Amino acid sequence: MKKPSLTLIKNPNPPAVPDTLDLTQISEEIQRRVSARQSNPNRSEPPPNIFVVNPDIDTPTLLAHACHNLALLTAMSATLAAQLERPNRSVLFAIQRLTVLAELLVNQALKNIRSSKSRIEPV
């Protein structure tokens, strides 16, 4: 498995940040962008992504990390659900069950990949 790497890229020209935030201005900008998207939902430009996965990472590694993250999410949601009262507890337990289901699916995908690789004979 190829080990994933994380690279921090610094912006040489960071934007100037004002000392105070003008919430009215931010709200107007958000409304402008939302209305532009609603008026033309088939715009060719997709919304920008904040996070990007390195395309060079192999599938088993991606699945292993997804499985690990789902296991952490399951544990955190179970801990939080134990601290809540109904009906919020029921909602969180449902979220936890869906997380467990996703984890099972990822685990099975990993098993399928490993077993298909073991069946491949060298040339």
PDB file of N, CA and C in Angstrom:
ATOM      1  N   MET A   1       0.825  -1.173   0.000  1.00  0.00           N
ATOM      2  CA  MET A   1       0.000   0.000   0.000  1.00  0.00           C
ATOM      3  C   MET A   1       0.871   1.238   0.000  1.00  0.00           C
ATOM      4  N   LYS A   2       0.473   2.186  -0.786  1.00  0.00           N
ATOM      5  CA  LYS A   2       1.202   3.436  -0.842  1.00  0.00           C
ATOM      6  C   LYS A   2       0.788   4.307   0.337  1.00  0.00           C
ATOM      7  N   LYS A   3       1.763   4.817   1.066  1.00  0.00           N
ATOM      8  CA  LYS A   3       1.475   5.627   2.244  1.00  0.00           C
ATOM      9  C   LYS A   3       1.048   7.025   1.792  1.00  0.00           C
ATOM     10  N   PRO A   4      -0.101   7.511   2.295  1.00  0.00           N
ATOM     11  CA  PRO A   4      -0.544   8.840   1.887  1.00  0.00           C
ATOM     12  C   PRO A   4       0.361   9.913   2.472  1.00  0.00           C
ATOM     13  N   SER A   5       0.472  11.005   1.745  1.00  0.00           N
ATOM     14  CA  SER A   5       1.280  12.106   2.243  1.00  0.00           C
ATOM     15  C   SER A   5       0.440  13.373   2.243  1.00  0.00           C
ATOM     16  N   LEU A   6       0.763  14.243   3.154  1.00  0.00           N
ATOM     17  CA  LEU A   6       0.047  15.500   3.287  1.00  0.00           C
ATOM     18  C   LEU A   6       1.023  16.613   3.014  1.00  0.00           C
ATOM     19  N   THR A   7       0.679  17.508   2.106  1.00  0.00           N
ATOM     20  CA  THR A   7       1.546  18.614   1.756  1.00  0.00           C
ATOM     21  C   THR A   7       0.818  19.917   2.030  1.00  0.00           C
ATOM     22  N   LEU A   8       1.454  20.794   2.772  1.00  0.00           N
ATOM     23  CA  LEU A   8       0.887  22.100   3.053  1.00  0.00           C
ATOM     24  C   LEU A   8       1.456  23.087   2.051  1.00  0.00           C
ATOM     25  N   ILE A   9       0.588  23.734   1.321  1.00  0.00           N
ATOM     26  CA  ILE A   9       1.019  24.713   0.326  1.00  0.00           C
ATOM     27  C   ILE A   9       0.659  26.088   0.861  1.00  0.00           C
ATOM     28  N   LYS A  10       1.674  26.918   1.094  1.00  0.00           N
ATOM     29  CA  LYS A  10       1.428  28.255   1.603  1.00  0.00           C
ATOM     30  C   LYS A  10       1.135  29.197   0.444  1.00  0.00           C
ATOM     31  N   ASN A  11       0.183  30.082   0.669  1.00  0.00           N
ATOM     32  CA  ASN A  11      -0.146  31.089  -0.325  1.00  0.00           C
ATOM     33  C   ASN A  11       0.868  32.222  -0.186  1.00  0.00           C
ATOM     34  N   PRO A  12       1.669  32.502  -1.240  1.00  0.00           N
ATOM     35  CA  PRO A  12       2.667  33.571  -1.119  1.00  0.00           C
ATOM     36  C   PRO A  12       2.033  34.957  -1.014  1.00  0.00           C
ATOM     37  N   ASN A  13       0.799  35.105  -1.491  1.00  0.00           N
ATOM     38  CA  ASN A  13       0.103  36.390  -1.437  1.00  0.00           C
ATOM     39  C   ASN A  13      -1.235  36.223  -0.728  1.00  0.00           C
ATOM     40  N   PRO A  14      -1.209  36.061   0.607  1.00  0.00           N
ATOM     41  CA  PRO A  14      -2.480  35.851   1.300  1.00  0.00           C
ATOM     42  C   PRO A  14      -3.357  37.098   1.199  1.00  0.00           C
ATOM     43  N   PRO A  15      -4.684  36.903   1.129  1.00  0.00           N
ATOM     44  CA  PRO A  15      -5.568  38.055   1.030  1.00  0.00           C
ATOM     45  C   PRO A  15      -5.537  38.861   2.328  1.00  0.00           C
ATOM     46  N   ALA A  16      -5.731  40.148   2.187  1.00  0.00           N
ATOM     47  CA  ALA A  16      -5.757  41.014   3.364  1.00  0.00           C
ATOM     48  C   ALA A  16      -7.015  40.720   4.164  1.00  0.00           C
ATOM     49  N   VAL A  17      -6.854  40.526   5.459  1.00  0.00           N
ATOM     50  CA  VAL A  17      -7.977  40.224   6.329  1.00  0.00           C
ATOM     51  C   VAL A  17      -8.251  41.451   7.193  1.00  0.00           C
ATOM     52  N   PRO A  18      -9.476  41.966   7.110  1.00  0.00           N
ATOM     53  CA  PRO A  18      -9.779  43.133   7.934  1.00  0.00           C
ATOM     54  C   PRO A  18      -9.832  42.759   9.413  1.00  0.00           C
ATOM     55  N   ASP A  19      -9.675  43.765  10.271  1.00  0.00           N
ATOM     56  CA  ASP A  19      -9.710  43.528  11.710  1.00  0.00           C
ATOM     57  C   ASP A  19     -11.091  43.108  12.185  1.00  0.00           C
ATOM     58  N   THR A  20     -12.131  43.600  11.526  1.00  0.00           N
ATOM     59  CA  THR A  20     -13.498  43.245  11.901  1.00  0.00           C
ATOM     60  C   THR A  20     -14.221  42.701  10.683  1.00  0.00           C
ATOM     61  N   LEU A  21     -15.198  41.851  10.937  1.00  0.00           N
ATOM     62  CA  LEU A  21     -15.988  41.285   9.851  1.00  0.00           C
ATOM     63  C   LEU A  21     -17.287  42.052   9.723  1.00  0.00           C
ATOM     64  N   ASP A  22     -17.641  42.402   8.501  1.00  0.00           N
ATOM     65  CA  ASP A  22     -18.917  43.060   8.255  1.00  0.00           C
ATOM     66  C   ASP A  22     -19.915  41.969   7.888  1.00  0.00           C
ATOM     67  N   LEU A  23     -20.738  41.578   8.854  1.00  0.00           N
ATOM     68  CA  LEU A  23     -21.676  40.479   8.638  1.00  0.00           C
ATOM     69  C   LEU A  23     -22.709  40.805   7.561  1.00  0.00           C
ATOM     70  N   THR A  24     -23.069  42.072   7.431  1.00  0.00           N
ATOM     71  CA  THR A  24     -24.021  42.461   6.392  1.00  0.00           C
ATOM     72  C   THR A  24     -23.435  42.200   5.015  1.00  0.00           C
ATOM     73  N   GLN A  25     -22.179  42.571   4.855  1.00  0.00           N
ATOM     74  CA  GLN A  25     -21.499  42.370   3.566  1.00  0.00           C
ATOM     75  C   GLN A  25     -21.361  40.879   3.256  1.00  0.00           C
ATOM     76  N   ILE A  26     -21.012  40.089   4.259  1.00  0.00           N
ATOM     77  CA  ILE A  26     -20.877  38.648   4.066  1.00  0.00           C
ATOM     78  C   ILE A  26     -22.232  38.042   3.714  1.00  0.00           C
ATOM     79  N   SER A  27     -23.264  38.442   4.420  1.00  0.00           N
ATOM     80  CA  SER A  27     -24.611  37.938   4.167  1.00  0.00           C
ATOM     81  C   SER A  27     -25.068  38.272   2.750  1.00  0.00           C
ATOM     82  N   GLU A  28     -24.794  39.499   2.307  1.00  0.00           N
ATOM     83  CA  GLU A  28     -25.166  39.908   0.944  1.00  0.00           C
ATOM     84  C   GLU A  28     -24.424  39.064  -0.099  1.00  0.00           C
ATOM     85  N   GLU A  29     -23.154  38.792   0.138  1.00  0.00           N
ATOM     86  CA  GLU A  29     -22.368  37.984  -0.801  1.00  0.00           C
ATOM     87  C   GLU A  29     -22.908  36.556  -0.870  1.00  0.00           C
ATOM     88  N   ILE A  30     -23.254  36.005   0.284  1.00  0.00           N
ATOM     89  CA  ILE A  30     -23.820  34.650   0.311  1.00  0.00           C
ATOM     90  C   ILE A  30     -25.138  34.618  -0.451  1.00  0.00           C
ATOM     91  N   GLN A  31     -25.994  35.599  -0.204  1.00  0.00           N
ATOM     92  CA  GLN A  31     -27.282  35.661  -0.909  1.00  0.00           C
ATOM     93  C   GLN A  31     -27.080  35.798  -2.412  1.00  0.00           C
ATOM     94  N   ARG A  32     -26.094  36.612  -2.819  1.00  0.00           N
ATOM     95  CA  ARG A  32     -25.817  36.795  -4.245  1.00  0.00           C
ATOM     96  C   ARG A  32     -25.399  35.469  -4.887  1.00  0.00           C
ATOM     97  N   ARG A  33     -24.528  34.748  -4.207  1.00  0.00           N
ATOM     98  CA  ARG A  33     -24.059  33.470  -4.763  1.00  0.00           C
ATOM     99  C   ARG A  33     -25.169  32.419  -4.796  1.00  0.00           C
ATOM    100  N   VAL A  34     -25.982  32.379  -3.749  1.00  0.00           N
ATOM    101  CA  VAL A  34     -27.088  31.421  -3.705  1.00  0.00           C
ATOM    102  C   VAL A  34     -28.080  31.724  -4.812  1.00  0.00           C
ATOM    103  N   SER A  35     -28.436  33.033  -4.991  1.00  0.00           N
ATOM    104  CA  SER A  35     -29.398  33.364  -6.050  1.00  0.00           C
ATOM    105  C   SER A  35     -28.833  33.080  -7.436  1.00  0.00           C
ATOM    106  N   ALA A  36     -27.519  33.289  -7.620  1.00  0.00           N
ATOM    107  CA  ALA A  36     -26.909  32.993  -8.922  1.00  0.00           C
ATOM    108  C   ALA A  36     -26.997  31.501  -9.206  1.00  0.00           C
ATOM    109  N   ARG A  37     -26.775  30.676  -8.188  1.00  0.00           N
ATOM    110  CA  ARG A  37     -26.854  29.221  -8.358  1.00  0.00           C
ATOM    111  C   ARG A  37     -28.292  28.796  -8.623  1.00  0.00           C
ATOM    112  N   GLN A  38     -29.255  29.394  -7.914  1.00  0.00           N
ATOM    113  CA  GLN A  38     -30.660  29.017  -8.088  1.00  0.00           C
ATOM    114  C   GLN A  38     -31.209  29.481  -9.431  1.00  0.00           C
ATOM    115  N   SER A  39     -30.756  30.641  -9.912  1.00  0.00           N
ATOM    116  CA  SER A  39     -31.266  31.138 -11.185  1.00  0.00           C
ATOM    117  C   SER A  39     -30.737  30.324 -12.359  1.00  0.00           C
ATOM    118  N   ASN A  40     -29.571  29.726 -12.206  1.00  0.00           N
ATOM    119  CA  ASN A  40     -29.002  28.910 -13.277  1.00  0.00           C
ATOM    120  C   ASN A  40     -28.347  27.671 -12.655  1.00  0.00           C
ATOM    121  N   PRO A  41     -29.141  26.636 -12.315  1.00  0.00           N
ATOM    122  CA  PRO A  41     -28.567  25.461 -11.651  1.00  0.00           C
ATOM    123  C   PRO A  41     -27.640  24.643 -12.544  1.00  0.00           C
ATOM    124  N   ASN A  42     -27.673  24.862 -13.846  1.00  0.00           N
ATOM    125  CA  ASN A  42     -26.826  24.096 -14.766  1.00  0.00           C
ATOM    126  C   ASN A  42     -25.535  24.820 -15.106  1.00  0.00           C
ATOM    127  N   ARG A  43     -25.108  25.711 -14.221  1.00  0.00           N
ATOM    128  CA  ARG A  43     -23.858  26.434 -14.467  1.00  0.00           C
ATOM    129  C   ARG A  43     -22.725  25.451 -14.646  1.00  0.00           C
ATOM    130  N   SER A  44     -21.808  25.784 -15.539  1.00  0.00           N
ATOM    131  CA  SER A  44     -20.714  24.861 -15.836  1.00  0.00           C
ATOM    132  C   SER A  44     -19.673  24.820 -14.732  1.00  0.00           C
ATOM    133  N   GLU A  45     -19.534  25.886 -13.968  1.00  0.00           N
ATOM    134  CA  GLU A  45     -18.508  25.875 -12.934  1.00  0.00           C
ATOM    135  C   GLU A  45     -19.032  25.219 -11.655  1.00  0.00           C
ATOM    136  N   PRO A  46     -18.361  24.171 -11.213  1.00  0.00           N
ATOM    137  CA  PRO A  46     -18.794  23.520  -9.967  1.00  0.00           C
ATOM    138  C   PRO A  46     -18.354  24.358  -8.775  1.00  0.00           C
ATOM    139  N   PRO A  47     -19.003  24.163  -7.631  1.00  0.00           N
ATOM    140  CA  PRO A  47     -18.543  24.889  -6.449  1.00  0.00           C
ATOM    141  C   PRO A  47     -17.142  24.429  -6.082  1.00  0.00           C
ATOM    142  N   PRO A  48     -16.300  25.331  -5.593  1.00  0.00           N
ATOM    143  CA  PRO A  48     -14.922  24.943  -5.279  1.00  0.00           C
ATOM    144  C   PRO A  48     -14.876  24.009  -4.078  1.00  0.00           C
ATOM    145  N   ASN A  49     -13.941  23.063  -4.121  1.00  0.00           N
ATOM    146  CA  ASN A  49     -13.738  22.138  -3.009  1.00  0.00           C
ATOM    147  C   ASN A  49     -12.686  22.702  -2.078  1.00  0.00           C
ATOM    148  N   ILE A  50     -12.906  22.510  -0.799  1.00  0.00           N
ATOM    149  CA  ILE A  50     -11.915  22.944   0.180  1.00  0.00           C
ATOM    150  C   ILE A  50     -10.898  21.823   0.384  1.00  0.00           C
ATOM    151  N   PHE A  51     -11.384  20.597   0.432  1.00  0.00           N
ATOM    152  CA  PHE A  51     -10.516  19.452   0.658  1.00  0.00           C
ATOM    153  C   PHE A  51     -10.420  18.638  -0.622  1.00  0.00           C
ATOM    154  N   VAL A  52      -9.241  18.100  -0.860  1.00  0.00           N
ATOM    155  CA  VAL A  52      -9.010  17.301  -2.061  1.00  0.00           C
ATOM    156  C   VAL A  52      -8.245  16.054  -1.653  1.00  0.00           C
ATOM    157  N   VAL A  53      -8.618  14.923  -2.233  1.00  0.00           N
ATOM    158  CA  VAL A  53      -7.903  13.670  -1.982  1.00  0.00           C
ATOM    159  C   VAL A  53      -6.846  13.504  -3.066  1.00  0.00           C
ATOM    160  N   ASN A  54      -5.657  13.124  -2.641  1.00  0.00           N
ATOM    161  CA  ASN A  54      -4.559  12.904  -3.573  1.00  0.00           C
ATOM    162  C   ASN A  54      -4.946  11.768  -4.533  1.00  0.00           C
ATOM    163  N   PRO A  55      -5.005  12.019  -5.846  1.00  0.00           N
ATOM    164  CA  PRO A  55      -5.417  10.979  -6.800  1.00  0.00           C
ATOM    165  C   PRO A  55      -4.406   9.841  -6.948  1.00  0.00           C
ATOM    166  N   ASP A  56      -3.200  10.017  -6.415  1.00  0.00           N
ATOM    167  CA  ASP A  56      -2.173   8.977  -6.536  1.00  0.00           C
ATOM    168  C   ASP A  56      -2.298   7.901  -5.461  1.00  0.00           C
ATOM    169  N   ILE A  57      -3.191   8.094  -4.487  1.00  0.00           N
ATOM    170  CA  ILE A  57      -3.338   7.105  -3.420  1.00  0.00           C
ATOM    171  C   ILE A  57      -4.173   5.945  -3.929  1.00  0.00           C
ATOM    172  N   ASP A  58      -3.714   4.727  -3.675  1.00  0.00           N
ATOM    173  CA  ASP A  58      -4.395   3.543  -4.194  1.00  0.00           C
ATOM    174  C   ASP A  58      -5.708   3.287  -3.442  1.00  0.00           C
ATOM    175  N   THR A  59      -6.602   2.544  -4.080  1.00  0.00           N
ATOM    176  CA  THR A  59      -7.939   2.287  -3.548  1.00  0.00           C
ATOM    177  C   THR A  59      -7.930   1.587  -2.188  1.00  0.00           C
ATOM    178  N   PRO A  60      -7.135   0.537  -1.975  1.00  0.00           N
ATOM    179  CA  PRO A  60      -7.141  -0.086  -0.651  1.00  0.00           C
ATOM    180  C   PRO A  60      -6.763   0.882   0.470  1.00  0.00           C
ATOM    181  N   THR A  61      -5.823   1.769   0.216  1.00  0.00           N
ATOM    182  CA  THR A  61      -5.433   2.753   1.228  1.00  0.00           C
ATOM    183  C   THR A  61      -6.575   3.715   1.506  1.00  0.00           C
ATOM    184  N   LEU A  62      -7.242   4.169   0.454  1.00  0.00           N
ATOM    185  CA  LEU A  62      -8.385   5.066   0.628  1.00  0.00           C
ATOM    186  C   LEU A  62      -9.484   4.387   1.439  1.00  0.00           C
ATOM    187  N   LEU A  63      -9.758   3.136   1.100  1.00  0.00           N
ATOM    188  CA  LEU A  63     -10.793   2.405   1.827  1.00  0.00           C
ATOM    189  C   LEU A  63     -10.398   2.167   3.280  1.00  0.00           C
ATOM    190  N   ALA A  64      -9.126   1.889   3.525  1.00  0.00           N
ATOM    191  CA  ALA A  64      -8.661   1.673   4.900  1.00  0.00           C
ATOM    192  C   ALA A  64      -8.847   2.940   5.729  1.00  0.00           C
ATOM    193  N   HIS A  65      -8.513   4.090   5.159  1.00  0.00           N
ATOM    194  CA  HIS A  65      -8.687   5.352   5.873  1.00  0.00           C
ATOM    195  C   HIS A  65     -10.170   5.667   6.079  1.00  0.00           C
ATOM    196  N   ALA A  66     -10.984   5.386   5.076  1.00  0.00           N
ATOM    197  CA  ALA A  66     -12.431   5.602   5.214  1.00  0.00           C
ATOM    198  C   ALA A  66     -12.988   4.723   6.322  1.00  0.00           C
ATOM    199  N   CYS A  67     -12.548   3.482   6.373  1.00  0.00           N
ATOM    200  CA  CYS A  67     -12.995   2.550   7.407  1.00  0.00           C
ATOM    201  C   CYS A  67     -12.589   3.042   8.789  1.00  0.00           C
ATOM    202  N   HIS A  68     -11.370   3.511   8.926  1.00  0.00           N
ATOM    203  CA  HIS A  68     -10.889   4.019  10.204  1.00  0.00           C
ATOM    204  C   HIS A  68     -11.714   5.243  10.636  1.00  0.00           C
ATOM    205  N   ASN A  69     -11.975   6.158   9.705  1.00  0.00           N
ATOM    206  CA  ASN A  69     -12.768   7.346  10.026  1.00  0.00           C
ATOM    207  C   ASN A  69     -14.191   6.971  10.421  1.00  0.00           C
ATOM    208  N   LEU A  70     -14.761   5.989   9.749  1.00  0.00           N
ATOM    209  CA  LEU A  70     -16.117   5.545  10.094  1.00  0.00           C
ATOM    210  C   LEU A  70     -16.139   4.898  11.485  1.00  0.00           C
ATOM    211  N   ALA A  71     -15.085   4.159  11.823  1.00  0.00           N
ATOM    212  CA  ALA A  71     -15.015   3.550  13.158  1.00  0.00           C
ATOM    213  C   ALA A  71     -14.939   4.634  14.230  1.00  0.00           C
ATOM    214  N   LEU A  72     -14.164   5.685  13.974  1.00  0.00           N
ATOM    215  CA  LEU A  72     -14.086   6.797  14.924  1.00  0.00           C
ATOM    216  C   LEU A  72     -15.432   7.504  15.044  1.00  0.00           C
ATOM    217  N   LEU A  73     -16.099   7.710  13.920  1.00  0.00           N
ATOM    218  CA  LEU A  73     -17.415   8.355  13.930  1.00  0.00           C
ATOM    219  C   LEU A  73     -18.420   7.512  14.704  1.00  0.00           C
ATOM    220  N   THR A  74     -18.362   6.212  14.547  1.00  0.00           N
ATOM    221  CA  THR A  74     -19.250   5.313  15.281  1.00  0.00           C
ATOM    222  C   THR A  74     -19.031   5.448  16.784  1.00  0.00           C
ATOM    223  N   ALA A  75     -17.778   5.435  17.200  1.00  0.00           N
ATOM    224  CA  ALA A  75     -17.465   5.546  18.625  1.00  0.00           C
ATOM    225  C   ALA A  75     -17.893   6.902  19.190  1.00  0.00           C
ATOM    226  N   MET A  76     -17.619   7.969  18.447  1.00  0.00           N
ATOM    227  CA  MET A  76     -17.995   9.304  18.926  1.00  0.00           C
ATOM    228  C   MET A  76     -19.506   9.470  19.011  1.00  0.00           C
ATOM    229  N   SER A  77     -20.225   8.969  18.020  1.00  0.00           N
ATOM    230  CA  SER A  77     -21.683   9.123  18.042  1.00  0.00           C
ATOM    231  C   SER A  77     -22.303   8.282  19.152  1.00  0.00           C
ATOM    232  N   ALA A  78     -21.747   7.103  19.432  1.00  0.00           N
ATOM    233  CA  ALA A  78     -22.267   6.277  20.535  1.00  0.00           C
ATOM    234  C   ALA A  78     -22.042   6.969  21.876  1.00  0.00           C
ATOM    235  N   THR A  79     -20.864   7.570  22.046  1.00  0.00           N
ATOM    236  CA  THR A  79     -20.560   8.296  23.280  1.00  0.00           C
ATOM    237  C   THR A  79     -21.503   9.482  23.457  1.00  0.00           C
ATOM    238  N   LEU A  80     -21.724  10.227  22.401  1.00  0.00           N
ATOM    239  CA  LEU A  80     -22.614  11.385  22.473  1.00  0.00           C
ATOM    240  C   LEU A  80     -24.061  10.964  22.704  1.00  0.00           C
ATOM    241  N   ALA A  81     -24.491   9.892  22.041  1.00  0.00           N
ATOM    242  CA  ALA A  81     -25.870   9.419  22.200  1.00  0.00           C
ATOM    243  C   ALA A  81     -26.151   9.011  23.641  1.00  0.00           C
ATOM    244  N   ALA A  82     -25.143   8.465  24.309  1.00  0.00           N
ATOM    245  CA  ALA A  82     -25.325   8.042  25.698  1.00  0.00           C
ATOM    246  C   ALA A  82     -25.566   9.235  26.620  1.00  0.00           C
ATOM    247  N   GLN A  83     -25.166  10.425  26.192  1.00  0.00           N
ATOM    248  CA  GLN A  83     -25.326  11.619  27.014  1.00  0.00           C
ATOM    249  C   GLN A  83     -26.616  12.380  26.717  1.00  0.00           C
ATOM    250  N   LEU A  84     -27.342  11.986  25.682  1.00  0.00           N
ATOM    251  CA  LEU A  84     -28.539  12.719  25.274  1.00  0.00           C
ATOM    252  C   LEU A  84     -29.810  12.075  25.805  1.00  0.00           C
ATOM    253  N   GLU A  85     -30.870  12.852  25.812  1.00  0.00           N
ATOM    254  CA  GLU A  85     -32.204  12.369  26.171  1.00  0.00           C
ATOM    255  C   GLU A  85     -32.984  12.138  24.883  1.00  0.00           C
ATOM    256  N   ARG A  86     -34.092  11.378  24.992  1.00  0.00           N
ATOM    257  CA  ARG A  86     -34.955  11.186  23.827  1.00  0.00           C
ATOM    258  C   ARG A  86     -35.562  12.508  23.433  1.00  0.00           C
ATOM    259  N   PRO A  87     -35.927  12.811  22.206  1.00  0.00           N
ATOM    260  CA  PRO A  87     -35.803  12.030  20.973  1.00  0.00           C
ATOM    261  C   PRO A  87     -34.451  12.197  20.288  1.00  0.00           C
ATOM    262  N   ASN A  88     -33.617  13.136  20.785  1.00  0.00           N
ATOM    263  CA  ASN A  88     -32.317  13.345  20.139  1.00  0.00           C
ATOM    264  C   ASN A  88     -31.440  12.104  20.200  1.00  0.00           C
ATOM    265  N   ARG A  89     -31.575  11.338  21.272  1.00  0.00           N
ATOM    266  CA  ARG A  89     -30.794  10.110  21.407  1.00  0.00           C
ATOM    267  C   ARG A  89     -31.140   9.133  20.283  1.00  0.00           C
ATOM    268  N   SER A  90     -32.419   9.006  19.975  1.00  0.00           N
ATOM    269  CA  SER A  90     -32.848   8.088  18.915  1.00  0.00           C
ATOM    270  C   SER A  90     -32.294   8.510  17.559  1.00  0.00           C
ATOM    271  N   VAL A  91     -32.291   9.799  17.307  1.00  0.00           N
ATOM    272  CA  VAL A  91     -31.754  10.298  16.031  1.00  0.00           C
ATOM    273  C   VAL A  91     -30.266   9.993  15.935  1.00  0.00           C
ATOM    274  N   LEU A  92     -29.544  10.233  17.016  1.00  0.00           N
ATOM    275  CA  LEU A  92     -28.105   9.981  16.991  1.00  0.00           C
ATOM    276  C   LEU A  92     -27.794   8.492  16.875  1.00  0.00           C
ATOM    277  N   PHE A  93     -28.593   7.646  17.519  1.00  0.00           N
ATOM    278  CA  PHE A  93     -28.382   6.207  17.361  1.00  0.00           C
ATOM    279  C   PHE A  93     -28.648   5.774  15.911  1.00  0.00           C
ATOM    280  N   ALA A  94     -29.627   6.394  15.256  1.00  0.00           N
ATOM    281  CA  ALA A  94     -29.877   6.085  13.839  1.00  0.00           C
ATOM    282  C   ALA A  94     -28.686   6.495  12.982  1.00  0.00           C
ATOM    283  N   ILE A  95     -28.114   7.661  13.271  1.00  0.00           N
ATOM    284  CA  ILE A  95     -26.913   8.107  12.547  1.00  0.00           C
ATOM    285  C   ILE A  95     -25.771   7.124  12.801  1.00  0.00           C
ATOM    286  N   GLN A  96     -25.645   6.670  14.049  1.00  0.00           N
ATOM    287  CA  GLN A  96     -24.580   5.728  14.375  1.00  0.00           C
ATOM    288  C   GLN A  96     -24.770   4.414  13.608  1.00  0.00           C
ATOM    289  N   ARG A  97     -26.009   3.942  13.517  1.00  0.00           N
ATOM    290  CA  ARG A  97     -26.269   2.692  12.783  1.00  0.00           C
ATOM    291  C   ARG A  97     -25.929   2.834  11.301  1.00  0.00           C
ATOM    292  N   LEU A  98     -26.238   3.990  10.730  1.00  0.00           N
ATOM    293  CA  LEU A  98     -25.881   4.208   9.325  1.00  0.00           C
ATOM    294  C   LEU A  98     -24.361   4.249   9.159  1.00  0.00           C
ATOM    295  N   THR A  99     -23.674   4.802  10.134  1.00  0.00           N
ATOM    296  CA  THR A  99     -22.211   4.828  10.090  1.00  0.00           C
ATOM    297  C   THR A  99     -21.647   3.417  10.163  1.00  0.00           C
ATOM    298  N   VAL A 100     -22.207   2.598  11.040  1.00  0.00           N
ATOM    299  CA  VAL A 100     -21.768   1.205  11.146  1.00  0.00           C
ATOM    300  C   VAL A 100     -22.016   0.472   9.832  1.00  0.00           C
ATOM    301  N   LEU A 101     -23.159   0.720   9.218  1.00  0.00           N
ATOM    302  CA  LEU A 101     -23.464   0.093   7.930  1.00  0.00           C
ATOM    303  C   LEU A 101     -22.438   0.509   6.875  1.00  0.00           C
ATOM    304  N   ALA A 102     -22.120   1.800   6.829  1.00  0.00           N
ATOM    305  CA  ALA A 102     -21.114   2.274   5.873  1.00  0.00           C
ATOM    306  C   ALA A 102     -19.765   1.630   6.148  1.00  0.00           C
ATOM    307  N   GLU A 103     -19.418   1.483   7.424  1.00  0.00           N
ATOM    308  CA  GLU A 103     -18.154   0.840   7.785  1.00  0.00           C
ATOM    309  C   GLU A 103     -18.130  -0.617   7.312  1.00  0.00           C
ATOM    310  N   LEU A 104     -19.244  -1.318   7.475  1.00  0.00           N
ATOM    311  CA  LEU A 104     -19.328  -2.704   7.004  1.00  0.00           C
ATOM    312  C   LEU A 104     -19.150  -2.787   5.491  1.00  0.00           C
ATOM    313  N   LEU A 105     -19.777  -1.858   4.773  1.00  0.00           N
ATOM    314  CA  LEU A 105     -19.644  -1.840   3.311  1.00  0.00           C
ATOM    315  C   LEU A 105     -18.199  -1.589   2.887  1.00  0.00           C
ATOM    316  N   VAL A 106     -17.531  -0.649   3.554  1.00  0.00           N
ATOM    317  CA  VAL A 106     -16.131  -0.359   3.227  1.00  0.00           C
ATOM    318  C   VAL A 106     -15.252  -1.567   3.556  1.00  0.00           C
ATOM    319  N   ASN A 107     -15.504  -2.212   4.703  1.00  0.00           N
ATOM    320  CA  ASN A 107     -14.729  -3.409   5.059  1.00  0.00           C
ATOM    321  C   ASN A 107     -14.892  -4.509   4.017  1.00  0.00           C
ATOM    322  N   GLN A 108     -16.130  -4.696   3.539  1.00  0.00           N
ATOM    323  CA  GLN A 108     -16.359  -5.724   2.521  1.00  0.00           C
ATOM    324  C   GLN A 108     -15.660  -5.361   1.221  1.00  0.00           C
ATOM    325  N   ALA A 109     -15.664  -4.088   0.855  1.00  0.00           N
ATOM    326  CA  ALA A 109     -14.952  -3.658  -0.351  1.00  0.00           C
ATOM    327  C   ALA A 109     -13.461  -3.933  -0.215  1.00  0.00           C
ATOM    328  N   LEU A 110     -12.900  -3.671   0.959  1.00  0.00           N
ATOM    329  CA  LEU A 110     -11.482  -3.976   1.192  1.00  0.00           C
ATOM    330  C   LEU A 110     -11.208  -5.470   1.051  1.00  0.00           C
ATOM    331  N   LYS A 111     -12.095  -6.299   1.634  1.00  0.00           N
ATOM    332  CA  LYS A 111     -11.930  -7.756   1.520  1.00  0.00           C
ATOM    333  C   LYS A 111     -12.000  -8.195   0.060  1.00  0.00           C
ATOM    334  N   ASN A 112     -12.943  -7.616  -0.687  1.00  0.00           N
ATOM    335  CA  ASN A 112     -13.085  -7.971  -2.103  1.00  0.00           C
ATOM    336  C   ASN A 112     -11.823  -7.616  -2.886  1.00  0.00           C
ATOM    337  N   ILE A 113     -11.256  -6.454  -2.600  1.00  0.00           N
ATOM    338  CA  ILE A 113     -10.038  -6.037  -3.303  1.00  0.00           C
ATOM    339  C   ILE A 113      -8.885  -6.961  -2.951  1.00  0.00           C
ATOM    340  N   ARG A 114      -8.741  -7.280  -1.678  1.00  0.00           N
ATOM    341  CA  ARG A 114      -7.640  -8.160  -1.250  1.00  0.00           C
ATOM    342  C   ARG A 114      -7.788  -9.553  -1.844  1.00  0.00           C
ATOM    343  N   SER A 115      -9.017 -10.085  -1.868  1.00  0.00           N
ATOM    344  CA  SER A 115      -9.199 -11.441  -2.401  1.00  0.00           C
ATOM    345  C   SER A 115      -9.030 -11.459  -3.919  1.00  0.00           C
ATOM    346  N   SER A 116      -9.416 -10.389  -4.612  1.00  0.00           N
ATOM    347  CA  SER A 116      -9.230 -10.371  -6.071  1.00  0.00           C
ATOM    348  C   SER A 116      -7.754 -10.253  -6.411  1.00  0.00           C
ATOM    349  N   LYS A 117      -6.982  -9.542  -5.574  1.00  0.00           N
ATOM    350  CA  LYS A 117      -5.542  -9.448  -5.818  1.00  0.00           C
ATOM    351  C   LYS A 117      -4.865 -10.784  -5.563  1.00  0.00           C
ATOM    352  N   SER A 118      -5.358 -11.549  -4.593  1.00  0.00           N
ATOM    353  CA  SER A 118      -4.728 -12.829  -4.288  1.00  0.00           C
ATOM    354  C   SER A 118      -4.989 -13.842  -5.406  1.00  0.00           C
ATOM    355  N   ARG A 119      -6.088 -13.658  -6.158  1.00  0.00           N
ATOM    356  CA  ARG A 119      -6.398 -14.568  -7.259  1.00  0.00           C
ATOM    357  C   ARG A 119      -5.615 -14.242  -8.531  1.00  0.00           C
ATOM    358  N   ILE A 120      -5.014 -13.064  -8.569  1.00  0.00           N
ATOM    359  CA  ILE A 120      -4.259 -12.664  -9.758  1.00  0.00           C
ATOM    360  C   ILE A 120      -2.910 -13.393  -9.738  1.00  0.00           C
ATOM    361  N   GLU A 121      -2.637 -14.110 -10.808  1.00  0.00           N
ATOM    362  CA  GLU A 121      -1.390 -14.847 -10.870  1.00  0.00           C
ATOM    363  C   GLU A 121      -0.348 -14.032 -11.633  1.00  0.00           C
ATOM    364  N   PRO A 122       0.903 -14.031 -11.159  1.00  0.00           N
ATOM    365  CA  PRO A 122       1.947 -13.277 -11.863  1.00  0.00           C
ATOM    366  C   PRO A 122       2.192 -13.853 -13.256  1.00  0.00           C
ATOM    367  N   VAL A 123       2.552 -12.995 -14.160  1.00  0.00           N
ATOM    368  CA  VAL A 123       2.795 -13.404 -15.561  1.00  0.00           C
ATOM    369  C   VAL A 123       4.199 -13.890 -15.718  1.00  0.00           C
TER     370      VAL A 123
END
